Amino acid sequence: MKPSQSRLQENRLQRSEALVEQHVLALFRRMPMLCGFALREDLEVTDITVYTWPGYTAGEDLYRDLMSSLAELAEERPEALALMRGRTFARSFN
């Protein structure tokens, strides 16, 4: 592979990684109860961790919203799928 092609491919990968990061951060902002989630290689959610408080119970609607958001990202940017496979995403605190 030529150096310019390699650089171009690296730039695309960096843009895709940044897009996934932005999408996941927006997801955490939109869902303040979401602490983290894990995806299998087939992109199925294996684990969802949420903060709870009196009167709040995470239900099927949280799972549907999460899956809908991830599907939206996959439709917009198919190259992001490879970056999400088998990963765990967690809210970070500073």
PDB file of N, CA and C in Angstrom:
ATOM      1  N   MET A   1       0.847  -1.173   0.000  1.00  0.00           N
ATOM      2  CA  MET A   1       0.000   0.000   0.000  1.00  0.00           C
ATOM      3  C   MET A   1       0.893   1.236   0.000  1.00  0.00           C
ATOM      4  N   LYS A   2       0.562   2.169  -0.807  1.00  0.00           N
ATOM      5  CA  LYS A   2       1.326   3.408  -0.900  1.00  0.00           C
ATOM      6  C   LYS A   2       1.142   4.229   0.373  1.00  0.00           C
ATOM      7  N   PRO A   3       2.142   5.006   0.733  1.00  0.00           N
ATOM      8  CA  PRO A   3       2.023   5.826   1.943  1.00  0.00           C
ATOM      9  C   PRO A   3       0.800   6.741   1.939  1.00  0.00           C
ATOM     10  N   SER A   4       0.474   7.316   0.795  1.00  0.00           N
ATOM     11  CA  SER A   4      -0.682   8.217   0.745  1.00  0.00           C
ATOM     12  C   SER A   4      -1.988   7.453   0.961  1.00  0.00           C
ATOM     13  N   GLN A   5      -2.067   6.234   0.430  1.00  0.00           N
ATOM     14  CA  GLN A   5      -3.262   5.418   0.648  1.00  0.00           C
ATOM     15  C   GLN A   5      -3.378   5.019   2.112  1.00  0.00           C
ATOM     16  N   SER A   6      -2.253   4.686   2.704  1.00  0.00           N
ATOM     17  CA  SER A   6      -2.236   4.324   4.115  1.00  0.00           C
ATOM     18  C   SER A   6      -2.678   5.497   4.976  1.00  0.00           C
ATOM     19  N   ARG A   7      -2.192   6.671   4.661  1.00  0.00           N
ATOM     20  CA  ARG A   7      -2.556   7.875   5.412  1.00  0.00           C
ATOM     21  C   ARG A   7      -4.044   8.176   5.245  1.00  0.00           C
ATOM     22  N   LEU A   8      -4.542   8.016   4.041  1.00  0.00           N
ATOM     23  CA  LEU A   8      -5.958   8.246   3.772  1.00  0.00           C
ATOM     24  C   LEU A   8      -6.820   7.273   4.563  1.00  0.00           C
ATOM     25  N   GLN A   9      -6.414   6.013   4.578  1.00  0.00           N
ATOM     26  CA  GLN A   9      -7.162   5.003   5.324  1.00  0.00           C
ATOM     27  C   GLN A   9      -7.126   5.303   6.825  1.00  0.00           C
ATOM     28  N   GLU A  10      -5.987   5.736   7.322  1.00  0.00           N
ATOM     29  CA  GLU A  10      -5.851   6.093   8.736  1.00  0.00           C
ATOM     30  C   GLU A  10      -6.740   7.287   9.075  1.00  0.00           C
ATOM     31  N   ASN A  11      -6.815   8.256   8.194  1.00  0.00           N
ATOM     32  CA  ASN A  11      -7.684   9.418   8.417  1.00  0.00           C
ATOM     33  C   ASN A  11      -9.151   9.011   8.465  1.00  0.00           C
ATOM     34  N   ARG A  12      -9.556   8.116   7.578  1.00  0.00           N
ATOM     35  CA  ARG A  12     -10.946   7.624   7.585  1.00  0.00           C
ATOM     36  C   ARG A  12     -11.252   6.904   8.894  1.00  0.00           C
ATOM     37  N   LEU A  13     -10.319   6.080   9.350  1.00  0.00           N
ATOM     38  CA  LEU A  13     -10.500   5.352  10.602  1.00  0.00           C
ATOM     39  C   LEU A  13     -10.635   6.324  11.773  1.00  0.00           C
ATOM     40  N   GLN A  14      -9.799   7.341  11.811  1.00  0.00           N
ATOM     41  CA  GLN A  14      -9.874   8.331  12.879  1.00  0.00           C
ATOM     42  C   GLN A  14     -11.201   9.086  12.863  1.00  0.00           C
ATOM     43  N   ARG A  15     -11.675   9.428  11.674  1.00  0.00           N
ATOM     44  CA  ARG A  15     -12.978  10.109  11.563  1.00  0.00           C
ATOM     45  C   ARG A  15     -14.102   9.198  12.045  1.00  0.00           C
ATOM     46  N   SER A  16     -14.041   7.924  11.692  1.00  0.00           N
ATOM     47  CA  SER A  16     -15.062   6.974  12.123  1.00  0.00           C
ATOM     48  C   SER A  16     -15.029   6.792  13.629  1.00  0.00           C
ATOM     49  N   GLU A  17     -13.836   6.697  14.204  1.00  0.00           N
ATOM     50  CA  GLU A  17     -13.718   6.567  15.659  1.00  0.00           C
ATOM     51  C   GLU A  17     -14.284   7.798  16.353  1.00  0.00           C
ATOM     52  N   ALA A  18     -13.999   8.962  15.826  1.00  0.00           N
ATOM     53  CA  ALA A  18     -14.524  10.200  16.408  1.00  0.00           C
ATOM     54  C   ALA A  18     -16.046  10.247  16.303  1.00  0.00           C
ATOM     55  N   LEU A  19     -16.578   9.787  15.203  1.00  0.00           N
ATOM     56  CA  LEU A  19     -18.027   9.758  15.020  1.00  0.00           C
ATOM     57  C   LEU A  19     -18.689   8.823  16.032  1.00  0.00           C
ATOM     58  N   VAL A  20     -18.130   7.638  16.225  1.00  0.00           N
ATOM     59  CA  VAL A  20     -18.675   6.697  17.207  1.00  0.00           C
ATOM     60  C   VAL A  20     -18.620   7.319  18.597  1.00  0.00           C
ATOM     61  N   GLU A  21     -17.495   7.937  18.926  1.00  0.00           N
ATOM     62  CA  GLU A  21     -17.355   8.574  20.241  1.00  0.00           C
ATOM     63  C   GLU A  21     -18.390   9.679  20.436  1.00  0.00           C
ATOM     64  N   GLN A  22     -18.577  10.520  19.436  1.00  0.00           N
ATOM     65  CA  GLN A  22     -19.566  11.601  19.536  1.00  0.00           C
ATOM     66  C   GLN A  22     -20.972  11.041  19.700  1.00  0.00           C
ATOM     67  N   HIS A  23     -21.285   9.996  18.957  1.00  0.00           N
ATOM     68  CA  HIS A  23     -22.621   9.407  19.022  1.00  0.00           C
ATOM     69  C   HIS A  23     -22.877   8.796  20.405  1.00  0.00           C
ATOM     70  N   VAL A  24     -21.896   8.095  20.924  1.00  0.00           N
ATOM     71  CA  VAL A  24     -22.055   7.473  22.242  1.00  0.00           C
ATOM     72  C   VAL A  24     -22.147   8.537  23.329  1.00  0.00           C
ATOM     73  N   LEU A  25     -21.348   9.589  23.245  1.00  0.00           N
ATOM     74  CA  LEU A  25     -21.447  10.674  24.230  1.00  0.00           C
ATOM     75  C   LEU A  25     -22.823  11.330  24.193  1.00  0.00           C
ATOM     76  N   ALA A  26     -23.352  11.535  23.002  1.00  0.00           N
ATOM     77  CA  ALA A  26     -24.697  12.106  22.875  1.00  0.00           C
ATOM     78  C   ALA A  26     -25.738  11.160  23.468  1.00  0.00           C
ATOM     79  N   LEU A  27     -25.526   9.879  23.284  1.00  0.00           N
ATOM     80  CA  LEU A  27     -26.432   8.877  23.850  1.00  0.00           C
ATOM     81  C   LEU A  27     -26.437   8.958  25.377  1.00  0.00           C
ATOM     82  N   PHE A  28     -25.248   9.077  25.977  1.00  0.00           N
ATOM     83  CA  PHE A  28     -25.165   9.196  27.433  1.00  0.00           C
ATOM     84  C   PHE A  28     -25.779  10.502  27.928  1.00  0.00           C
ATOM     85  N   ARG A  29     -25.642  11.574  27.183  1.00  0.00           N
ATOM     86  CA  ARG A  29     -26.266  12.842  27.582  1.00  0.00           C
ATOM     87  C   ARG A  29     -27.791  12.738  27.512  1.00  0.00           C
ATOM     88  N   ARG A  30     -28.278  12.076  26.480  1.00  0.00           N
ATOM     89  CA  ARG A  30     -29.722  11.948  26.293  1.00  0.00           C
ATOM     90  C   ARG A  30     -30.357  10.989  27.299  1.00  0.00           C
ATOM     91  N   MET A  31     -29.569  10.019  27.773  1.00  0.00           N
ATOM     92  CA  MET A  31     -30.068   9.018  28.721  1.00  0.00           C
ATOM     93  C   MET A  31     -29.245   9.103  30.006  1.00  0.00           C
ATOM     94  N   PRO A  32     -29.583  10.023  30.896  1.00  0.00           N
ATOM     95  CA  PRO A  32     -28.756  10.219  32.093  1.00  0.00           C
ATOM     96  C   PRO A  32     -28.714   9.003  33.013  1.00  0.00           C
ATOM     97  N   MET A  33     -29.657   8.101  32.901  1.00  0.00           N
ATOM     98  CA  MET A  33     -29.662   6.913  33.745  1.00  0.00           C
ATOM     99  C   MET A  33     -28.719   5.825  33.232  1.00  0.00           C
ATOM    100  N   LEU A  34     -28.250   5.941  31.998  1.00  0.00           N
ATOM    101  CA  LEU A  34     -27.391   4.919  31.385  1.00  0.00           C
ATOM    102  C   LEU A  34     -25.954   5.072  31.876  1.00  0.00           C
ATOM    103  N   CYS A  35     -25.411   4.001  32.461  1.00  0.00           N
ATOM    104  CA  CYS A  35     -24.011   4.001  32.928  1.00  0.00           C
ATOM    105  C   CYS A  35     -23.096   3.397  31.881  1.00  0.00           C
ATOM    106  N   GLY A  36     -23.576   2.351  31.219  1.00  0.00           N
ATOM    107  CA  GLY A  36     -22.748   1.696  30.230  1.00  0.00           C
ATOM    108  C   GLY A  36     -23.485   0.549  29.565  1.00  0.00           C
ATOM    109  N   PHE A  37     -22.882   0.045  28.497  1.00  0.00           N
ATOM    110  CA  PHE A  37     -23.450  -1.097  27.797  1.00  0.00           C
ATOM    111  C   PHE A  37     -22.339  -1.804  27.047  1.00  0.00           C
ATOM    112  N   ALA A  38     -22.573  -3.073  26.775  1.00  0.00           N
ATOM    113  CA  ALA A  38     -21.596  -3.883  26.047  1.00  0.00           C
ATOM    114  C   ALA A  38     -22.268  -4.478  24.825  1.00  0.00           C
ATOM    115  N   LEU A  39     -21.501  -4.593  23.755  1.00  0.00           N
ATOM    116  CA  LEU A  39     -21.996  -5.170  22.506  1.00  0.00           C
ATOM    117  C   LEU A  39     -21.183  -6.416  22.178  1.00  0.00           C
ATOM    118  N   ARG A  40     -21.874  -7.438  21.696  1.00  0.00           N
ATOM    119  CA  ARG A  40     -21.181  -8.636  21.225  1.00  0.00           C
ATOM    120  C   ARG A  40     -20.674  -8.377  19.820  1.00  0.00           C
ATOM    121  N   GLU A  41     -19.984  -9.352  19.275  1.00  0.00           N
ATOM    122  CA  GLU A  41     -19.470  -9.249  17.905  1.00  0.00           C
ATOM    123  C   GLU A  41     -20.606  -9.081  16.889  1.00  0.00           C
ATOM    124  N   ASP A  42     -21.779  -9.653  17.203  1.00  0.00           N
ATOM    125  CA  ASP A  42     -22.922  -9.530  16.295  1.00  0.00           C
ATOM    126  C   ASP A  42     -23.755  -8.274  16.580  1.00  0.00           C
ATOM    127  N   LEU A  43     -23.205  -7.390  17.426  1.00  0.00           N
ATOM    128  CA  LEU A  43     -23.798  -6.094  17.779  1.00  0.00           C
ATOM    129  C   LEU A  43     -25.037  -6.199  18.664  1.00  0.00           C
ATOM    130  N   GLU A  44     -25.288  -7.361  19.233  1.00  0.00           N
ATOM    131  CA  GLU A  44     -26.363  -7.488  20.213  1.00  0.00           C
ATOM    132  C   GLU A  44     -25.870  -6.940  21.540  1.00  0.00           C
ATOM    133  N   VAL A  45     -26.749  -6.265  22.257  1.00  0.00           N
ATOM    134  CA  VAL A  45     -26.392  -5.735  23.574  1.00  0.00           C
ATOM    135  C   VAL A  45     -26.353  -6.892  24.562  1.00  0.00           C
ATOM    136  N   THR A  46     -25.219  -7.040  25.256  1.00  0.00           N
ATOM    137  CA  THR A  46     -25.095  -8.124  26.226  1.00  0.00           C
ATOM    138  C   THR A  46     -25.308  -7.661  27.647  1.00  0.00           C
ATOM    139  N   ASP A  47     -25.097  -6.391  27.894  1.00  0.00           N
ATOM    140  CA  ASP A  47     -25.212  -5.888  29.255  1.00  0.00           C
ATOM    141  C   ASP A  47     -25.522  -4.403  29.210  1.00  0.00           C
ATOM    142  N   ILE A  48     -26.466  -3.992  30.020  1.00  0.00           N
ATOM    143  CA  ILE A  48     -26.785  -2.577  30.176  1.00  0.00           C
ATOM    144  C   ILE A  48     -26.742  -2.283  31.669  1.00  0.00           C
ATOM    145  N   THR A  49     -26.019  -1.249  32.040  1.00  0.00           N
ATOM    146  CA  THR A  49     -25.958  -0.839  33.435  1.00  0.00           C
ATOM    147  C   THR A  49     -26.584   0.544  33.545  1.00  0.00           C
ATOM    148  N   VAL A  50     -27.471   0.689  34.523  1.00  0.00           N
ATOM    149  CA  VAL A  50     -28.164   1.964  34.701  1.00  0.00           C
ATOM    150  C   VAL A  50     -28.122   2.390  36.155  1.00  0.00           C
ATOM    151  N   TYR A  51     -28.183   3.710  36.355  1.00  0.00           N
ATOM    152  CA  TYR A  51     -28.397   4.257  37.689  1.00  0.00           C
ATOM    153  C   TYR A  51     -29.892   4.198  37.934  1.00  0.00           C
ATOM    154  N   THR A  52     -30.248   3.872  39.132  1.00  0.00           N
ATOM    155  CA  THR A  52     -31.670   3.888  39.464  1.00  0.00           C
ATOM    156  C   THR A  52     -31.890   4.843  40.630  1.00  0.00           C
ATOM    157  N   TRP A  53     -33.116   5.265  40.773  1.00  0.00           N
ATOM    158  CA  TRP A  53     -33.509   6.117  41.869  1.00  0.00           C
ATOM    159  C   TRP A  53     -34.928   5.722  42.230  1.00  0.00           C
ATOM    160  N   PRO A  54     -35.379   6.093  43.397  1.00  0.00           N
ATOM    161  CA  PRO A  54     -36.719   5.703  43.813  1.00  0.00           C
ATOM    162  C   PRO A  54     -37.769   6.111  42.781  1.00  0.00           C
ATOM    163  N   GLY A  55     -38.563   5.166  42.397  1.00  0.00           N
ATOM    164  CA  GLY A  55     -39.627   5.430  41.435  1.00  0.00           C
ATOM    165  C   GLY A  55     -39.237   5.184  39.988  1.00  0.00           C
ATOM    166  N   TYR A  56     -37.940   4.959  39.723  1.00  0.00           N
ATOM    167  CA  TYR A  56     -37.515   4.701  38.349  1.00  0.00           C
ATOM    168  C   TYR A  56     -37.136   3.238  38.194  1.00  0.00           C
ATOM    169  N   THR A  57     -37.681   2.624  37.175  1.00  0.00           N
ATOM    170  CA  THR A  57     -37.314   1.261  36.830  1.00  0.00           C
ATOM    171  C   THR A  57     -36.987   1.248  35.345  1.00  0.00           C
ATOM    172  N   ALA A  58     -35.757   0.852  35.037  1.00  0.00           N
ATOM    173  CA  ALA A  58     -35.362   0.751  33.625  1.00  0.00           C
ATOM    174  C   ALA A  58     -36.123  -0.408  33.011  1.00  0.00           C
ATOM    175  N   GLY A  59     -36.682  -0.166  31.858  1.00  0.00           N
ATOM    176  CA  GLY A  59     -37.479  -1.197  31.207  1.00  0.00           C
ATOM    177  C   GLY A  59     -37.122  -1.372  29.750  1.00  0.00           C
ATOM    178  N   GLU A  60     -38.028  -1.998  29.063  1.00  0.00           N
ATOM    179  CA  GLU A  60     -37.847  -2.297  27.647  1.00  0.00           C
ATOM    180  C   GLU A  60     -37.661  -1.033  26.810  1.00  0.00           C
ATOM    181  N   ASP A  61     -38.259   0.072  27.233  1.00  0.00           N
ATOM    182  CA  ASP A  61     -38.125   1.313  26.464  1.00  0.00           C
ATOM    183  C   ASP A  61     -36.675   1.803  26.422  1.00  0.00           C
ATOM    184  N   LEU A  62     -35.925   1.620  27.502  1.00  0.00           N
ATOM    185  CA  LEU A  62     -34.509   2.002  27.507  1.00  0.00           C
ATOM    186  C   LEU A  62     -33.732   1.156  26.493  1.00  0.00           C
ATOM    187  N   TYR A  63     -33.994  -0.134  26.492  1.00  0.00           N
ATOM    188  CA  TYR A  63     -33.320  -1.030  25.552  1.00  0.00           C
ATOM    189  C   TYR A  63     -33.664  -0.642  24.112  1.00  0.00           C
ATOM    190  N   ARG A  64     -34.930  -0.384  23.842  1.00  0.00           N
ATOM    191  CA  ARG A  64     -35.349   0.002  22.489  1.00  0.00           C
ATOM    192  C   ARG A  64     -34.695   1.317  22.058  1.00  0.00           C
ATOM    193  N   ASP A  65     -34.645   2.292  22.958  1.00  0.00           N
ATOM    194  CA  ASP A  65     -34.005   3.577  22.636  1.00  0.00           C
ATOM    195  C   ASP A  65     -32.524   3.385  22.336  1.00  0.00           C
ATOM    196  N   LEU A  66     -31.865   2.563  23.120  1.00  0.00           N
ATOM    197  CA  LEU A  66     -30.447   2.293  22.906  1.00  0.00           C
ATOM    198  C   LEU A  66     -30.222   1.624  21.553  1.00  0.00           C
ATOM    199  N   MET A  67     -30.980   0.594  21.263  1.00  0.00           N
ATOM    200  CA  MET A  67     -30.832  -0.130  20.003  1.00  0.00           C
ATOM    201  C   MET A  67     -31.184   0.761  18.819  1.00  0.00           C
ATOM    202  N   SER A  68     -32.192   1.586  18.979  1.00  0.00           N
ATOM    203  CA  SER A  68     -32.594   2.499  17.909  1.00  0.00           C
ATOM    204  C   SER A  68     -31.466   3.495  17.603  1.00  0.00           C
ATOM    205  N   SER A  69     -30.840   4.005  18.636  1.00  0.00           N
ATOM    206  CA  SER A  69     -29.748   4.948  18.452  1.00  0.00           C
ATOM    207  C   SER A  69     -28.556   4.293  17.759  1.00  0.00           C
ATOM    208  N   LEU A  70     -28.225   3.072  18.147  1.00  0.00           N
ATOM    209  CA  LEU A  70     -27.110   2.365  17.522  1.00  0.00           C
ATOM    210  C   LEU A  70     -27.428   2.008  16.064  1.00  0.00           C
ATOM    211  N   ALA A  71     -28.669   1.638  15.804  1.00  0.00           N
ATOM    212  CA  ALA A  71     -29.078   1.328  14.433  1.00  0.00           C
ATOM    213  C   ALA A  71     -29.006   2.577  13.555  1.00  0.00           C
ATOM    214  N   GLU A  72     -29.369   3.714  14.129  1.00  0.00           N
ATOM    215  CA  GLU A  72     -29.299   4.988  13.403  1.00  0.00           C
ATOM    216  C   GLU A  72     -27.852   5.292  13.002  1.00  0.00           C
ATOM    217  N   LEU A  73     -26.932   5.087  13.935  1.00  0.00           N
ATOM    218  CA  LEU A  73     -25.520   5.304  13.636  1.00  0.00           C
ATOM    219  C   LEU A  73     -25.052   4.353  12.538  1.00  0.00           C
ATOM    220  N   ALA A  74     -25.470   3.100  12.605  1.00  0.00           N
ATOM    221  CA  ALA A  74     -25.066   2.105  11.602  1.00  0.00           C
ATOM    222  C   ALA A  74     -25.603   2.459  10.219  1.00  0.00           C
ATOM    223  N   GLU A  75     -26.804   3.013  10.173  1.00  0.00           N
ATOM    224  CA  GLU A  75     -27.375   3.408   8.886  1.00  0.00           C
ATOM    225  C   GLU A  75     -26.633   4.611   8.298  1.00  0.00           C
ATOM    226  N   GLU A  76     -26.310   5.569   9.165  1.00  0.00           N
ATOM    227  CA  GLU A  76     -25.618   6.771   8.706  1.00  0.00           C
ATOM    228  C   GLU A  76     -24.181   6.474   8.301  1.00  0.00           C
ATOM    229  N   ARG A  77     -23.510   5.637   9.072  1.00  0.00           N
ATOM    230  CA  ARG A  77     -22.090   5.353   8.859  1.00  0.00           C
ATOM    231  C   ARG A  77     -21.814   3.858   9.012  1.00  0.00           C
ATOM    232  N   PRO A  78     -22.014   3.080   7.958  1.00  0.00           N
ATOM    233  CA  PRO A  78     -21.787   1.633   8.042  1.00  0.00           C
ATOM    234  C   PRO A  78     -20.375   1.255   8.499  1.00  0.00           C
ATOM    235  N   GLU A  79     -19.386   2.111   8.208  1.00  0.00           N
ATOM    236  CA  GLU A  79     -18.015   1.798   8.615  1.00  0.00           C
ATOM    237  C   GLU A  79     -17.854   1.829  10.138  1.00  0.00           C
ATOM    238  N   ALA A  80     -18.789   2.439  10.841  1.00  0.00           N
ATOM    239  CA  ALA A  80     -18.731   2.499  12.309  1.00  0.00           C
ATOM    240  C   ALA A  80     -19.045   1.149  12.946  1.00  0.00           C
ATOM    241  N   LEU A  81     -19.715   0.281  12.217  1.00  0.00           N
ATOM    242  CA  LEU A  81     -20.069  -1.029  12.770  1.00  0.00           C
ATOM    243  C   LEU A  81     -18.847  -1.804  13.243  1.00  0.00           C
ATOM    244  N   ALA A  82     -17.806  -1.801  12.453  1.00  0.00           N
ATOM    245  CA  ALA A  82     -16.596  -2.545  12.816  1.00  0.00           C
ATOM    246  C   ALA A  82     -15.984  -2.005  14.103  1.00  0.00           C
ATOM    247  N   LEU A  83     -16.151  -0.716  14.355  1.00  0.00           N
ATOM    248  CA  LEU A  83     -15.588  -0.108  15.555  1.00  0.00           C
ATOM    249  C   LEU A  83     -16.422  -0.368  16.797  1.00  0.00           C
ATOM    250  N   MET A  84     -17.672  -0.789  16.625  1.00  0.00           N
ATOM    251  CA  MET A  84     -18.547  -1.034  17.767  1.00  0.00           C
ATOM    252  C   MET A  84     -18.581  -2.509  18.178  1.00  0.00           C
ATOM    253  N   ARG A  85     -18.202  -3.403  17.294  1.00  0.00           N
ATOM    254  CA  ARG A  85     -18.281  -4.840  17.568  1.00  0.00           C
ATOM    255  C   ARG A  85     -17.422  -5.243  18.762  1.00  0.00           C
ATOM    256  N   GLY A  86     -18.047  -5.960  19.702  1.00  0.00           N
ATOM    257  CA  GLY A  86     -17.317  -6.515  20.828  1.00  0.00           C
ATOM    258  C   GLY A  86     -16.796  -5.503  21.835  1.00  0.00           C
ATOM    259  N   ARG A  87     -17.344  -4.313  21.838  1.00  0.00           N
ATOM    260  CA  ARG A  87     -16.847  -3.267  22.738  1.00  0.00           C
ATOM    261  C   ARG A  87     -17.793  -3.004  23.889  1.00  0.00           C
ATOM    262  N   THR A  88     -17.222  -2.456  24.935  1.00  0.00           N
ATOM    263  CA  THR A  88     -17.986  -1.976  26.081  1.00  0.00           C
ATOM    264  C   THR A  88     -17.851  -0.464  26.113  1.00  0.00           C
ATOM    265  N   PHE A  89     -18.968   0.209  26.290  1.00  0.00           N
ATOM    266  CA  PHE A  89     -18.989   1.655  26.349  1.00  0.00           C
ATOM    267  C   PHE A  89     -19.468   2.051  27.746  1.00  0.00           C
ATOM    268  N   ALA A  90     -18.750   2.958  28.387  1.00  0.00           N
ATOM    269  CA  ALA A  90     -19.102   3.371  29.743  1.00  0.00           C
ATOM    270  C   ALA A  90     -19.061   4.891  29.848  1.00  0.00           C
ATOM    271  N   ARG A  91     -19.969   5.384  30.648  1.00  0.00           N
ATOM    272  CA  ARG A  91     -19.963   6.818  30.951  1.00  0.00           C
ATOM    273  C   ARG A  91     -18.720   7.093  31.774  1.00  0.00           C
ATOM    274  N   SER A  92     -18.056   8.191  31.488  1.00  0.00           N
ATOM    275  CA  SER A  92     -16.867   8.527  32.270  1.00  0.00           C
ATOM    276  C   SER A  92     -17.163   9.742  33.132  1.00  0.00           C
ATOM    277  N   PHE A  93     -16.534   9.764  34.264  1.00  0.00           N
ATOM    278  CA  PHE A  93     -16.690  10.895  35.191  1.00  0.00           C
ATOM    279  C   PHE A  93     -15.344  11.538  35.362  1.00  0.00           C
ATOM    280  N   ASN A  94     -15.331  12.835  35.367  1.00  0.00           N
ATOM    281  CA  ASN A  94     -14.078  13.573  35.581  1.00  0.00           C
ATOM    282  C   ASN A  94     -14.081  14.203  36.947  1.00  0.00           C
TER     283      ASN A  94
END
